[in-house]
Protein backbone atom coordinates (compact mmCIF):
# COMPACT_ATOMS: atom_id res chain seq x y z
CA MET A 1 -10.77 56.20 -49.54
CA LYS A 2 -13.35 55.60 -52.32
CA PHE A 3 -14.31 59.28 -52.25
CA SER A 4 -10.63 60.23 -52.52
CA ILE A 5 -10.27 57.99 -55.58
CA PHE A 6 -13.32 59.70 -57.08
CA ILE A 7 -11.73 63.10 -56.37
CA LEU A 8 -8.50 61.96 -58.04
CA LEU A 9 -10.31 60.66 -61.14
CA PHE A 10 -12.40 63.83 -61.33
CA SER A 11 -9.17 65.81 -61.16
CA VAL A 12 -7.78 63.82 -64.09
CA PHE A 13 -11.02 64.36 -66.02
CA ILE A 14 -11.09 68.14 -65.58
CA SER A 15 -7.38 68.39 -66.30
CA ALA A 16 -8.00 66.62 -69.61
CA PHE A 17 -10.85 69.05 -70.32
CA SER A 18 -8.48 71.96 -69.74
CA GLN A 19 -6.49 70.61 -72.70
CA VAL A 20 -9.60 71.06 -74.85
CA LEU A 21 -9.81 74.71 -73.84
CA LEU A 22 -6.13 75.27 -74.63
CA LYS A 23 -6.57 73.66 -78.06
CA LYS A 24 -9.64 75.82 -78.75
CA SER A 25 -7.52 78.86 -77.97
CA ALA A 26 -4.64 77.64 -80.13
CA LEU A 27 -6.92 77.23 -83.15
CA ARG A 28 -7.95 80.91 -83.11
CA SER A 29 -6.09 83.94 -84.41
CA TYR A 30 -5.46 86.85 -82.07
CA GLY A 31 -4.38 90.42 -82.67
CA SER A 32 -1.75 90.58 -79.97
CA PHE A 33 0.41 88.53 -77.65
CA TRP A 34 -1.79 89.48 -74.68
CA GLN A 35 -5.00 88.44 -76.44
CA GLU A 36 -3.43 85.15 -77.41
CA TYR A 37 -2.29 84.23 -73.91
CA LEU A 38 -4.82 86.05 -71.73
CA ASN A 39 -8.11 85.10 -73.35
CA VAL A 40 -11.08 83.35 -71.77
CA TYR A 41 -10.04 79.89 -73.03
CA VAL A 42 -6.49 80.07 -71.69
CA LEU A 43 -7.46 81.62 -68.37
CA SER A 44 -10.28 79.10 -67.89
CA ALA A 45 -7.96 76.22 -68.75
CA TYR A 46 -5.38 77.34 -66.20
CA ALA A 47 -8.07 77.88 -63.56
CA ILE A 48 -9.38 74.36 -64.16
CA TYR A 49 -5.85 72.98 -64.06
CA PHE A 50 -5.22 74.78 -60.75
CA LEU A 51 -8.42 73.20 -59.38
CA ALA A 52 -7.19 69.79 -60.58
CA VAL A 53 -3.89 70.23 -58.73
CA PHE A 54 -5.79 71.25 -55.58
CA LEU A 55 -8.00 68.15 -55.89
CA ASP A 56 -4.89 66.00 -56.36
CA LEU A 57 -3.55 67.31 -53.07
CA LEU A 58 -6.84 66.48 -51.34
CA ALA A 59 -6.87 62.98 -52.79
CA LEU A 60 -3.26 62.32 -51.80
CA LYS A 61 -4.28 62.51 -48.14
CA LYS A 62 -6.03 59.14 -48.52
CA VAL A 63 -4.88 57.59 -51.81
CA PRO A 64 -1.52 55.78 -51.98
CA VAL A 65 0.97 57.82 -53.97
CA SER A 66 1.62 54.78 -56.19
CA PHE A 67 -1.98 54.96 -57.44
CA VAL A 68 -1.74 58.55 -58.69
CA PRO A 69 0.27 57.88 -61.90
CA VAL A 70 -2.04 54.98 -62.71
CA ALA A 71 -5.11 57.19 -62.38
CA GLU A 72 -3.43 59.93 -64.40
CA ALA A 73 -2.85 57.45 -67.23
CA SER A 74 -6.59 57.59 -67.82
CA SER A 75 -6.13 61.20 -68.98
CA TYR A 76 -4.88 59.87 -72.33
CA ILE A 77 -8.24 58.19 -72.81
CA PHE A 78 -10.19 61.29 -71.78
CA VAL A 79 -8.17 63.49 -74.14
CA LEU A 80 -8.74 61.11 -77.07
CA ILE A 81 -12.48 61.07 -76.38
CA PHE A 82 -12.62 64.85 -76.00
CA GLY A 83 -10.67 65.20 -79.25
CA LYS A 84 -13.30 63.11 -81.01
CA ILE A 85 -16.22 65.02 -79.45
CA PHE A 86 -14.97 68.60 -79.73
CA PHE A 87 -12.62 68.52 -82.72
CA LYS A 88 -13.91 65.55 -84.76
CA GLU A 89 -10.49 63.89 -84.52
CA GLN A 90 -10.43 60.32 -85.76
CA PHE A 91 -9.49 57.19 -83.83
CA SER A 92 -6.88 55.17 -85.65
CA LYS A 93 -6.32 51.47 -85.00
CA ARG A 94 -3.13 52.43 -83.19
CA LYS A 95 -5.02 54.81 -80.87
CA ILE A 96 -7.67 52.19 -80.12
CA ILE A 97 -5.00 49.60 -79.30
CA ALA A 98 -3.24 52.15 -77.09
CA MET A 99 -6.49 52.89 -75.22
CA ILE A 100 -7.06 49.17 -74.66
CA MET A 101 -3.52 48.77 -73.37
CA ILE A 102 -3.88 51.73 -71.00
CA LEU A 103 -7.19 50.41 -69.68
CA SER A 104 -5.67 46.95 -69.29
CA GLY A 105 -2.77 48.37 -67.31
CA ILE A 106 -5.11 50.30 -65.03
CA LEU A 107 -7.26 47.21 -64.45
CA ILE A 108 -4.22 45.03 -63.72
CA PHE A 109 -2.98 47.57 -61.19
CA VAL A 110 -6.37 47.92 -59.47
CA ILE A 111 -7.19 44.19 -59.37
């Protein structure tokens, strides 16, 4: 079961990273519709997201279904951290409080 939880959390992590790739694509200008939606960033993001869904299915064999939304809540934290690292986005007090609340909710559920 511990390995399945790791798989689930890894799935959430890579799914959050796919959001970074989609944002990188969105920030660029493209010459055509096809270049905009079929570029390396978009295709990589969707491939990673597909892998994340596959890993979710593997994890669901052992992890209670009630745990999945709780684990997926951590994606908000990953996305905020990735935003800071890759796009120099700032943490506001509101975002920090929200991260603390999300982490608190996850801890309450797990304990």
